Amino acid sequence: MIWQESKKIVIVIAGALLNALAMNLFLIPANVYSSGFTGIAQLLSKVLSDYTPIQLSMGILLLLLNIPVAILGWRKVGKSFTVYSFLSVLMSSFFLTIIPIKQVSQDILLNAVFGGVILAVGVGITLKWGASTGGVDIIAMVLSRMKDKPVGPYMFILNGIIIVTAGFLFGWEKALYTLVTLYTSTRVIDAIHTRHAKLTAMIITKKAEELKKAIHGSLVRGITMIPAKGAFSNETRDLLMIVITRYELYDLERIIKEVDPNAFTNIIQTTGVYGFFRRE
């Protein structure tokens, strides 16, 4: 467990470093904006420096924006996910402060594409290891745990505000290149992590009771248990079916490896869920 947690911390720090490199070397020098809370912090920092005497770095603003979200996540989502997510935010703020802003390329399209790709790699590996980069990801978890509301419309509104504001203040060409960054980063994150908001896990195991207790101890999800029998071995097993969000995939994989490493697990896309999607 210590080795596993140590690897997770290293991955979170590496993801934060990639995020900061993408911002300070590509997106910020080109005035191309990121998505979510990172984009809001970037936009606020630019507006404050251009239109007011107040000078606040993007790293500090990103940290301040994520403090109330971290408190919400601590209360509604869980301590482990929130701690690692806030660690990601803290390290991103640190790297954004110490890495100098330097323009690598004069081509705004190259900045938009490479910035989006590097940013997405940082976000993708962080999500894959069961943490997040804070902000909207924690809000998505809270909404999913409370009422299973999709976060897509909120992301669309938030990113729409960033793009429109950037267009009005700094020209619509910058806003269009921001769209390029958003599209690039979304595609790369989907490739690294998973593009499906909800997933169905079908677990065939001999340790159904132990696995059920372990899953219920970590995830707020219901489980359907179905008797199963091996066609070749004729051995009796149990099939556990559980629907999760993509943010819970890492925790589920970890639980299965700890309780029954020999379990056969199939993760499939879930296009829709009807009825209750949480365990009271």
C-alpha atoms as a PDB file:
ATOM      1  CA  MET A   1       0.000   0.000   0.000  1.00  0.00           C
ATOM      2  CA  ILE A   2       2.850   2.387   0.816  1.00  0.00           C
ATOM      3  CA  TRP A   3       4.447   1.697  -2.558  1.00  0.00           C
ATOM      4  CA  GLN A   4       1.094   2.177  -4.302  1.00  0.00           C
ATOM      5  CA  GLU A   5       0.402   5.474  -2.551  1.00  0.00           C
ATOM      6  CA  SER A   6       3.953   6.674  -3.237  1.00  0.00           C
ATOM      7  CA  LYS A   7       3.505   5.994  -6.951  1.00  0.00           C
ATOM      8  CA  LYS A   8       0.204   7.852  -6.864  1.00  0.00           C
ATOM      9  CA  ILE A   9       1.838  10.907  -5.270  1.00  0.00           C
ATOM     10  CA  VAL A  10       4.597  10.876  -7.907  1.00  0.00           C
ATOM     11  CA  ILE A  11       2.000  10.643 -10.703  1.00  0.00           C
ATOM     12  CA  VAL A  12      -0.018  13.533  -9.239  1.00  0.00           C
ATOM     13  CA  ILE A  13       3.114  15.712  -8.979  1.00  0.00           C
ATOM     14  CA  ALA A  14       4.167  14.788 -12.539  1.00  0.00           C
ATOM     15  CA  GLY A  15       0.698  15.683 -13.807  1.00  0.00           C
ATOM     16  CA  ALA A  16       0.859  19.042 -12.024  1.00  0.00           C
ATOM     17  CA  LEU A  17       4.268  19.728 -13.567  1.00  0.00           C
ATOM     18  CA  LEU A  18       2.951  18.977 -17.062  1.00  0.00           C
ATOM     19  CA  ASN A  19      -0.014  21.288 -16.467  1.00  0.00           C
ATOM     20  CA  ALA A  20       2.282  24.120 -15.418  1.00  0.00           C
ATOM     21  CA  LEU A  21       4.625  23.577 -18.386  1.00  0.00           C
ATOM     22  CA  ALA A  22       1.688  23.655 -20.799  1.00  0.00           C
ATOM     23  CA  MET A  23       0.420  26.907 -19.299  1.00  0.00           C
ATOM     24  CA  ASN A  24       3.704  28.835 -18.872  1.00  0.00           C
ATOM     25  CA  LEU A  25       5.435  27.732 -22.068  1.00  0.00           C
ATOM     26  CA  PHE A  26       2.542  27.546 -24.517  1.00  0.00           C
ATOM     27  CA  LEU A  27      -0.891  28.832 -23.528  1.00  0.00           C
ATOM     28  CA  ILE A  28      -0.185  31.907 -21.367  1.00  0.00           C
ATOM     29  CA  PRO A  29       2.431  33.471 -23.739  1.00  0.00           C
ATOM     30  CA  ALA A  30       0.026  33.017 -26.667  1.00  0.00           C
ATOM     31  CA  ASN A  31      -3.022  34.314 -24.724  1.00  0.00           C
ATOM     32  CA  VAL A  32      -4.801  31.016 -25.391  1.00  0.00           C
ATOM     33  CA  TYR A  33      -7.008  29.874 -22.552  1.00  0.00           C
ATOM     34  CA  SER A  34      -7.505  26.552 -20.832  1.00  0.00           C
ATOM     35  CA  SER A  35     -10.780  25.051 -19.639  1.00  0.00           C
ATOM     36  CA  GLY A  36     -12.380  24.882 -16.199  1.00  0.00           C
ATOM     37  CA  PHE A  37     -10.908  26.534 -13.136  1.00  0.00           C
ATOM     38  CA  THR A  38      -7.475  26.750 -14.759  1.00  0.00           C
ATOM     39  CA  GLY A  39      -8.935  28.869 -17.545  1.00  0.00           C
ATOM     40  CA  ILE A  40     -10.808  31.055 -15.052  1.00  0.00           C
ATOM     41  CA  ALA A  41      -7.617  31.634 -13.043  1.00  0.00           C
ATOM     42  CA  GLN A  42      -5.711  32.400 -16.234  1.00  0.00           C
ATOM     43  CA  LEU A  43      -8.379  34.845 -17.405  1.00  0.00           C
ATOM     44  CA  LEU A  44      -8.695  36.569 -14.019  1.00  0.00           C
ATOM     45  CA  SER A  45      -4.931  37.003 -13.770  1.00  0.00           C
ATOM     46  CA  LYS A  46      -4.831  38.601 -17.224  1.00  0.00           C
ATOM     47  CA  VAL A  47      -7.811  40.890 -16.525  1.00  0.00           C
ATOM     48  CA  LEU A  48      -6.398  42.037 -13.165  1.00  0.00           C
ATOM     49  CA  SER A  49      -2.973  42.809 -14.609  1.00  0.00           C
ATOM     50  CA  ASP A  50      -4.350  44.625 -17.684  1.00  0.00           C
ATOM     51  CA  TYR A  51      -7.247  46.576 -16.192  1.00  0.00           C
ATOM     52  CA  THR A  52      -6.401  47.046 -12.489  1.00  0.00           C
ATOM     53  CA  PRO A  53      -3.299  47.798 -10.407  1.00  0.00           C
ATOM     54  CA  ILE A  54      -3.717  44.393  -8.693  1.00  0.00           C
ATOM     55  CA  GLN A  55      -1.109  41.798  -9.653  1.00  0.00           C
ATOM     56  CA  LEU A  56      -1.974  38.206  -8.773  1.00  0.00           C
ATOM     57  CA  SER A  57      -0.277  35.222 -10.370  1.00  0.00           C
ATOM     58  CA  MET A  58      -2.351  32.514 -11.972  1.00  0.00           C
ATOM     59  CA  GLY A  59      -0.985  29.966  -9.494  1.00  0.00           C
ATOM     60  CA  ILE A  60      -2.274  31.899  -6.486  1.00  0.00           C
ATOM     61  CA  LEU A  61      -5.679  32.439  -8.103  1.00  0.00           C
ATOM     62  CA  LEU A  62      -5.966  28.758  -8.992  1.00  0.00           C
ATOM     63  CA  LEU A  63      -5.267  27.818  -5.390  1.00  0.00           C
ATOM     64  CA  LEU A  64      -7.789  30.332  -4.018  1.00  0.00           C
ATOM     65  CA  LEU A  65     -10.526  29.165  -6.401  1.00  0.00           C
ATOM     66  CA  ASN A  66     -10.030  25.537  -5.395  1.00  0.00           C
ATOM     67  CA  ILE A  67     -10.142  26.010  -1.610  1.00  0.00           C
ATOM     68  CA  PRO A  68     -13.985  26.147  -1.330  1.00  0.00           C
ATOM     69  CA  VAL A  69     -14.277  23.295  -3.849  1.00  0.00           C
ATOM     70  CA  ALA A  70     -11.850  21.189  -1.794  1.00  0.00           C
ATOM     71  CA  ILE A  71     -13.936  21.793   1.340  1.00  0.00           C
ATOM     72  CA  LEU A  72     -17.045  20.697  -0.557  1.00  0.00           C
ATOM     73  CA  GLY A  73     -15.270  17.601  -1.850  1.00  0.00           C
ATOM     74  CA  TRP A  74     -14.014  16.711   1.641  1.00  0.00           C
ATOM     75  CA  ARG A  75     -17.579  16.731   2.953  1.00  0.00           C
ATOM     76  CA  LYS A  76     -19.408  15.165   0.017  1.00  0.00           C
ATOM     77  CA  VAL A  77     -16.982  12.971  -1.949  1.00  0.00           C
ATOM     78  CA  GLY A  78     -14.306  11.522   0.305  1.00  0.00           C
ATOM     79  CA  LYS A  79     -11.044  12.364   1.983  1.00  0.00           C
ATOM     80  CA  SER A  80      -8.652  10.394  -0.217  1.00  0.00           C
ATOM     81  CA  PHE A  81      -9.907  11.729  -3.553  1.00  0.00           C
ATOM     82  CA  THR A  82     -10.038  15.300  -2.217  1.00  0.00           C
ATOM     83  CA  VAL A  83      -6.582  15.170  -0.603  1.00  0.00           C
ATOM     84  CA  TYR A  84      -4.900  13.960  -3.792  1.00  0.00           C
ATOM     85  CA  SER A  85      -6.871  16.434  -5.904  1.00  0.00           C
ATOM     86  CA  PHE A  86      -5.879  19.320  -3.653  1.00  0.00           C
ATOM     87  CA  LEU A  87      -2.277  18.087  -3.743  1.00  0.00           C
ATOM     88  CA  SER A  88      -2.491  18.335  -7.533  1.00  0.00           C
ATOM     89  CA  VAL A  89      -3.808  21.895  -7.285  1.00  0.00           C
ATOM     90  CA  LEU A  90      -1.167  22.846  -4.719  1.00  0.00           C
ATOM     91  CA  MET A  91       1.688  21.496  -6.838  1.00  0.00           C
ATOM     92  CA  SER A  92       0.259  23.081 -10.000  1.00  0.00           C
ATOM     93  CA  SER A  93       0.156  26.450  -8.220  1.00  0.00           C
ATOM     94  CA  PHE A  94       3.741  25.923  -7.021  1.00  0.00           C
ATOM     95  CA  PHE A  95       5.061  25.010 -10.474  1.00  0.00           C
ATOM     96  CA  LEU A  96       3.120  27.852 -12.126  1.00  0.00           C
ATOM     97  CA  THR A  97       4.834  30.260  -9.740  1.00  0.00           C
ATOM     98  CA  ILE A  98       8.421  29.010 -10.101  1.00  0.00           C
ATOM     99  CA  ILE A  99       8.473  28.143 -13.829  1.00  0.00           C
ATOM    100  CA  PRO A 100       9.134  31.297 -15.854  1.00  0.00           C
ATOM    101  CA  ILE A 101       6.658  32.292 -18.559  1.00  0.00           C
ATOM    102  CA  LYS A 102       8.545  31.889 -21.809  1.00  0.00           C
ATOM    103  CA  GLN A 103       7.209  31.626 -25.341  1.00  0.00           C
ATOM    104  CA  VAL A 104       8.566  28.535 -27.075  1.00  0.00           C
ATOM    105  CA  SER A 105       6.953  29.223 -30.463  1.00  0.00           C
ATOM    106  CA  GLN A 106       5.673  32.326 -32.202  1.00  0.00           C
ATOM    107  CA  ASP A 107       2.999  30.295 -33.999  1.00  0.00           C
ATOM    108  CA  ILE A 108      -0.250  30.592 -32.056  1.00  0.00           C
ATOM    109  CA  LEU A 109      -1.658  27.388 -33.564  1.00  0.00           C
ATOM    110  CA  LEU A 110       1.350  25.369 -32.401  1.00  0.00           C
ATOM    111  CA  ASN A 111       0.977  26.876 -28.941  1.00  0.00           C
ATOM    112  CA  ALA A 112      -2.728  26.016 -28.852  1.00  0.00           C
ATOM    113  CA  VAL A 113      -2.219  22.397 -29.994  1.00  0.00           C
ATOM    114  CA  PHE A 114       0.915  21.514 -28.011  1.00  0.00           C
ATOM    115  CA  GLY A 115      -0.343  23.328 -24.936  1.00  0.00           C
ATOM    116  CA  GLY A 116      -3.609  21.402 -25.122  1.00  0.00           C
ATOM    117  CA  VAL A 117      -1.838  18.058 -25.603  1.00  0.00           C
ATOM    118  CA  ILE A 118       0.640  18.522 -22.722  1.00  0.00           C
ATOM    119  CA  LEU A 119      -2.115  19.811 -20.449  1.00  0.00           C
ATOM    120  CA  ALA A 120      -4.313  16.830 -21.332  1.00  0.00           C
ATOM    121  CA  VAL A 121      -1.529  14.318 -20.627  1.00  0.00           C
ATOM    122  CA  GLY A 122      -1.135  15.827 -17.160  1.00  0.00           C
ATOM    123  CA  VAL A 123      -4.872  15.730 -16.497  1.00  0.00           C
ATOM    124  CA  GLY A 124      -5.297  12.267 -18.033  1.00  0.00           C
ATOM    125  CA  ILE A 125      -2.631  10.489 -15.980  1.00  0.00           C
ATOM    126  CA  THR A 126      -3.904  12.188 -12.821  1.00  0.00           C
ATOM    127  CA  LEU A 127      -7.449  10.952 -13.470  1.00  0.00           C
ATOM    128  CA  LYS A 128      -6.194   7.482 -14.359  1.00  0.00           C
ATOM    129  CA  TRP A 129      -4.583   7.157 -10.935  1.00  0.00           C
ATOM    130  CA  GLY A 130      -7.717   8.076  -9.009  1.00  0.00           C
ATOM    131  CA  ALA A 131      -7.149  11.777  -8.369  1.00  0.00           C
ATOM    132  CA  SER A 132      -8.100  14.911 -10.273  1.00  0.00           C
ATOM    133  CA  THR A 133      -6.789  18.369 -11.016  1.00  0.00           C
ATOM    134  CA  GLY A 134      -9.461  19.885  -8.779  1.00  0.00           C
ATOM    135  CA  GLY A 135     -12.114  22.378  -9.757  1.00  0.00           C
ATOM    136  CA  VAL A 136     -14.773  20.981 -12.045  1.00  0.00           C
ATOM    137  CA  ASP A 137     -13.705  17.352 -11.490  1.00  0.00           C
ATOM    138  CA  ILE A 138     -14.580  17.582  -7.785  1.00  0.00           C
ATOM    139  CA  ILE A 139     -17.859  19.324  -8.620  1.00  0.00           C
ATOM    140  CA  ALA A 140     -18.618  16.475 -11.058  1.00  0.00           C
ATOM    141  CA  MET A 141     -18.047  13.939  -8.286  1.00  0.00           C
ATOM    142  CA  VAL A 142     -20.307  15.868  -5.891  1.00  0.00           C
ATOM    143  CA  LEU A 143     -23.113  16.088  -8.450  1.00  0.00           C
ATOM    144  CA  SER A 144     -22.752  12.407  -9.285  1.00  0.00           C
ATOM    145  CA  ARG A 145     -22.871  11.377  -5.615  1.00  0.00           C
ATOM    146  CA  MET A 146     -25.827  13.633  -4.767  1.00  0.00           C
ATOM    147  CA  LYS A 147     -28.292  13.499  -7.648  1.00  0.00           C
ATOM    148  CA  ASP A 148     -26.468  11.910 -10.583  1.00  0.00           C
ATOM    149  CA  LYS A 149     -26.632  15.134 -12.568  1.00  0.00           C
ATOM    150  CA  PRO A 150     -24.442  15.272 -15.675  1.00  0.00           C
ATOM    151  CA  VAL A 151     -21.570  17.716 -15.444  1.00  0.00           C
ATOM    152  CA  GLY A 152     -21.485  18.277 -19.212  1.00  0.00           C
ATOM    153  CA  PRO A 153     -23.883  21.259 -19.280  1.00  0.00           C
ATOM    154  CA  TYR A 154     -21.997  22.954 -16.433  1.00  0.00           C
ATOM    155  CA  MET A 155     -18.685  22.469 -18.225  1.00  0.00           C
ATOM    156  CA  PHE A 156     -20.202  23.824 -21.409  1.00  0.00           C
ATOM    157  CA  ILE A 157     -21.490  26.956 -19.641  1.00  0.00           C
ATOM    158  CA  LEU A 158     -18.197  27.510 -17.789  1.00  0.00           C
ATOM    159  CA  ASN A 159     -16.039  27.067 -20.874  1.00  0.00           C
ATOM    160  CA  GLY A 160     -18.483  29.178 -22.885  1.00  0.00           C
ATOM    161  CA  ILE A 161     -18.035  32.030 -20.416  1.00  0.00           C
ATOM    162  CA  ILE A 162     -14.235  31.723 -20.688  1.00  0.00           C
ATOM    163  CA  ILE A 163     -14.300  31.731 -24.502  1.00  0.00           C
ATOM    164  CA  VAL A 164     -16.772  34.623 -24.826  1.00  0.00           C
ATOM    165  CA  THR A 165     -14.938  36.732 -22.232  1.00  0.00           C
ATOM    166  CA  ALA A 166     -11.604  36.090 -23.913  1.00  0.00           C
ATOM    167  CA  GLY A 167     -13.149  37.035 -27.249  1.00  0.00           C
ATOM    168  CA  PHE A 168     -14.570  40.334 -25.977  1.00  0.00           C
ATOM    169  CA  LEU A 169     -11.435  41.383 -24.090  1.00  0.00           C
ATOM    170  CA  PHE A 170      -8.600  40.091 -26.250  1.00  0.00           C
ATOM    171  CA  GLY A 171     -10.061  39.444 -29.698  1.00  0.00           C
ATOM    172  CA  TRP A 172     -12.095  36.648 -31.228  1.00  0.00           C
ATOM    173  CA  GLU A 173      -9.032  35.073 -32.826  1.00  0.00           C
ATOM    174  CA  LYS A 174      -7.787  34.177 -29.333  1.00  0.00           C
ATOM    175  CA  ALA A 175     -11.199  32.717 -28.530  1.00  0.00           C
ATOM    176  CA  LEU A 176     -11.104  30.521 -31.645  1.00  0.00           C
ATOM    177  CA  TYR A 177      -7.651  29.214 -30.768  1.00  0.00           C
ATOM    178  CA  THR A 178      -8.958  28.515 -27.265  1.00  0.00           C
ATOM    179  CA  LEU A 179     -11.537  26.246 -28.902  1.00  0.00           C
ATOM    180  CA  VAL A 180      -8.680  24.398 -30.623  1.00  0.00           C
ATOM    181  CA  THR A 181      -6.998  23.859 -27.249  1.00  0.00           C
ATOM    182  CA  LEU A 182     -10.225  22.641 -25.641  1.00  0.00           C
ATOM    183  CA  TYR A 183     -10.894  20.177 -28.448  1.00  0.00           C
ATOM    184  CA  THR A 184      -7.314  18.864 -28.458  1.00  0.00           C
ATOM    185  CA  SER A 185      -7.161  18.427 -24.695  1.00  0.00           C
ATOM    186  CA  THR A 186     -10.551  16.685 -24.583  1.00  0.00           C
ATOM    187  CA  ARG A 187      -9.547  14.145 -27.222  1.00  0.00           C
ATOM    188  CA  VAL A 188      -6.241  13.347 -25.515  1.00  0.00           C
ATOM    189  CA  ILE A 189      -7.857  12.967 -22.070  1.00  0.00           C
ATOM    190  CA  ASP A 190     -10.413  10.608 -23.592  1.00  0.00           C
ATOM    191  CA  ALA A 191      -7.610   8.505 -25.074  1.00  0.00           C
ATOM    192  CA  ILE A 192      -5.614   8.312 -21.820  1.00  0.00           C
ATOM    193  CA  HIS A 193      -8.449   7.907 -19.336  1.00  0.00           C
ATOM    194  CA  THR A 194     -11.919   7.132 -20.676  1.00  0.00           C
ATOM    195  CA  ARG A 195     -14.401   9.254 -22.544  1.00  0.00           C
ATOM    196  CA  HIS A 196     -17.443   7.501 -21.052  1.00  0.00           C
ATOM    197  CA  ALA A 197     -19.075   9.316 -18.126  1.00  0.00           C
ATOM    198  CA  LYS A 198     -20.573   6.070 -16.788  1.00  0.00           C
ATOM    199  CA  LEU A 199     -19.188   2.557 -16.942  1.00  0.00           C
ATOM    200  CA  THR A 200     -20.549  -0.875 -16.057  1.00  0.00           C
ATOM    201  CA  ALA A 201     -18.219  -3.318 -14.338  1.00  0.00           C
ATOM    202  CA  MET A 202     -19.069  -7.015 -14.529  1.00  0.00           C
ATOM    203  CA  ILE A 203     -16.915  -8.942 -12.037  1.00  0.00           C
ATOM    204  CA  ILE A 204     -16.819 -12.751 -11.941  1.00  0.00           C
ATOM    205  CA  THR A 205     -15.353 -13.873  -8.624  1.00  0.00           C
ATOM    206  CA  LYS A 206     -15.210 -16.594  -5.977  1.00  0.00           C
ATOM    207  CA  LYS A 207     -15.026 -13.981  -3.219  1.00  0.00           C
ATOM    208  CA  ALA A 208     -18.305 -12.191  -3.802  1.00  0.00           C
ATOM    209  CA  GLU A 209     -19.084 -11.340  -0.162  1.00  0.00           C
ATOM    210  CA  GLU A 210     -15.627  -9.951   0.587  1.00  0.00           C
ATOM    211  CA  LEU A 211     -15.628  -7.968  -2.637  1.00  0.00           C
ATOM    212  CA  LYS A 212     -19.120  -6.621  -1.986  1.00  0.00           C
ATOM    213  CA  LYS A 213     -18.152  -5.377   1.481  1.00  0.00           C
ATOM    214  CA  ALA A 214     -14.946  -3.777   0.200  1.00  0.00           C
ATOM    215  CA  ILE A 215     -16.745  -1.967  -2.644  1.00  0.00           C
ATOM    216  CA  HIS A 216     -19.509  -0.723  -0.355  1.00  0.00           C
ATOM    217  CA  GLY A 217     -16.845   0.506   2.059  1.00  0.00           C
ATOM    218  CA  SER A 218     -15.330   2.811  -0.580  1.00  0.00           C
ATOM    219  CA  LEU A 219     -17.973   3.532  -3.223  1.00  0.00           C
ATOM    220  CA  VAL A 220     -21.524   4.798  -2.839  1.00  0.00           C
ATOM    221  CA  ARG A 221     -22.895   2.372  -5.431  1.00  0.00           C
ATOM    222  CA  GLY A 222     -25.355  -0.502  -5.490  1.00  0.00           C
ATOM    223  CA  ILE A 223     -24.298  -3.965  -6.629  1.00  0.00           C
ATOM    224  CA  THR A 224     -26.351  -6.671  -8.348  1.00  0.00           C
ATOM    225  CA  MET A 225     -25.199 -10.229  -7.583  1.00  0.00           C
ATOM    226  CA  ILE A 226     -25.964 -12.914 -10.165  1.00  0.00           C
ATOM    227  CA  PRO A 227     -25.145 -16.651  -9.831  1.00  0.00           C
ATOM    228  CA  ALA A 228     -22.713 -17.779 -12.544  1.00  0.00           C
ATOM    229  CA  LYS A 229     -21.133 -21.031 -13.670  1.00  0.00           C
ATOM    230  CA  GLY A 230     -18.007 -21.615 -15.738  1.00  0.00           C
ATOM    231  CA  ALA A 231     -18.809 -23.331 -19.045  1.00  0.00           C
ATOM    232  CA  PHE A 232     -15.436 -25.094 -19.203  1.00  0.00           C
ATOM    233  CA  SER A 233     -14.689 -25.750 -15.511  1.00  0.00           C
ATOM    234  CA  ASN A 234     -18.318 -26.118 -14.313  1.00  0.00           C
ATOM    235  CA  GLU A 235     -17.250 -24.203 -11.189  1.00  0.00           C
ATOM    236  CA  THR A 236     -19.819 -22.042  -9.436  1.00  0.00           C
ATOM    237  CA  ARG A 237     -18.997 -18.348  -9.118  1.00  0.00           C
ATOM    238  CA  ASP A 238     -20.826 -15.061  -8.611  1.00  0.00           C
ATOM    239  CA  LEU A 239     -21.163 -12.205 -11.055  1.00  0.00           C
ATOM    240  CA  LEU A 240     -21.199  -8.731  -9.509  1.00  0.00           C
ATOM    241  CA  MET A 241     -22.584  -5.955 -11.707  1.00  0.00           C
ATOM    242  CA  ILE A 242     -21.974  -2.338 -10.707  1.00  0.00           C
ATOM    243  CA  VAL A 243     -22.397   0.965 -12.552  1.00  0.00           C
ATOM    244  CA  ILE A 244     -19.811   3.621 -11.713  1.00  0.00           C
ATOM    245  CA  THR A 245     -18.594   6.979 -12.951  1.00  0.00           C
ATOM    246  CA  ARG A 246     -15.218   7.228 -14.651  1.00  0.00           C
ATOM    247  CA  TYR A 247     -13.818   9.006 -11.589  1.00  0.00           C
ATOM    248  CA  GLU A 248     -14.412   5.853  -9.516  1.00  0.00           C
ATOM    249  CA  LEU A 249     -12.729   3.442 -11.933  1.00  0.00           C
ATOM    250  CA  TYR A 250      -9.314   3.615 -10.258  1.00  0.00           C
ATOM    251  CA  ASP A 251     -10.751   2.874  -6.806  1.00  0.00           C
ATOM    252  CA  LEU A 252     -12.737  -0.087  -8.133  1.00  0.00           C
ATOM    253  CA  GLU A 253      -9.683  -1.553  -9.877  1.00  0.00           C
ATOM    254  CA  ARG A 254      -7.642  -1.150  -6.698  1.00  0.00           C
ATOM    255  CA  ILE A 255     -10.294  -2.909  -4.585  1.00  0.00           C
ATOM    256  CA  ILE A 256     -10.542  -5.856  -6.991  1.00  0.00           C
ATOM    257  CA  LYS A 257      -6.753  -6.309  -7.045  1.00  0.00           C
ATOM    258  CA  GLU A 258      -6.610  -6.264  -3.245  1.00  0.00           C
ATOM    259  CA  VAL A 259      -9.550  -8.607  -2.549  1.00  0.00           C
ATOM    260  CA  ASP A 260      -9.463 -11.033  -5.481  1.00  0.00           C
ATOM    261  CA  PRO A 261      -6.620 -10.604  -7.986  1.00  0.00           C
ATOM    262  CA  ASN A 262      -7.926 -13.643  -9.905  1.00  0.00           C
ATOM    263  CA  ALA A 263     -11.355 -12.103 -10.556  1.00  0.00           C
ATOM    264  CA  PHE A 264     -12.363 -11.628 -14.183  1.00  0.00           C
ATOM    265  CA  THR A 265     -13.575  -8.054 -14.765  1.00  0.00           C
ATOM    266  CA  ASN A 266     -15.166  -6.585 -17.862  1.00  0.00           C
ATOM    267  CA  ILE A 267     -15.557  -2.784 -18.034  1.00  0.00           C
ATOM    268  CA  ILE A 268     -18.065  -1.646 -20.651  1.00  0.00           C
ATOM    269  CA  GLN A 269     -19.600   1.641 -21.746  1.00  0.00           C
ATOM    270  CA  THR A 270     -22.940   2.639 -20.235  1.00  0.00           C
ATOM    271  CA  THR A 271     -25.022   4.916 -22.430  1.00  0.00           C
ATOM    272  CA  GLY A 272     -27.874   5.465 -19.977  1.00  0.00           C
ATOM    273  CA  VAL A 273     -29.006   4.675 -16.446  1.00  0.00           C
ATOM    274  CA  TYR A 274     -32.626   4.648 -15.258  1.00  0.00           C
ATOM    275  CA  GLY A 275     -33.671   4.443 -11.634  1.00  0.00           C
ATOM    276  CA  PHE A 276     -31.471   5.012  -8.595  1.00  0.00           C
ATOM    277  CA  PHE A 277     -27.756   5.349  -9.277  1.00  0.00           C
ATOM    278  CA  ARG A 278     -26.501   5.483  -5.701  1.00  0.00           C
ATOM    279  CA  ARG A 279     -26.675   3.483  -2.502  1.00  0.00           C
ATOM    280  CA  GLU A 280     -28.476   5.295   0.314  1.00  0.00           C
END
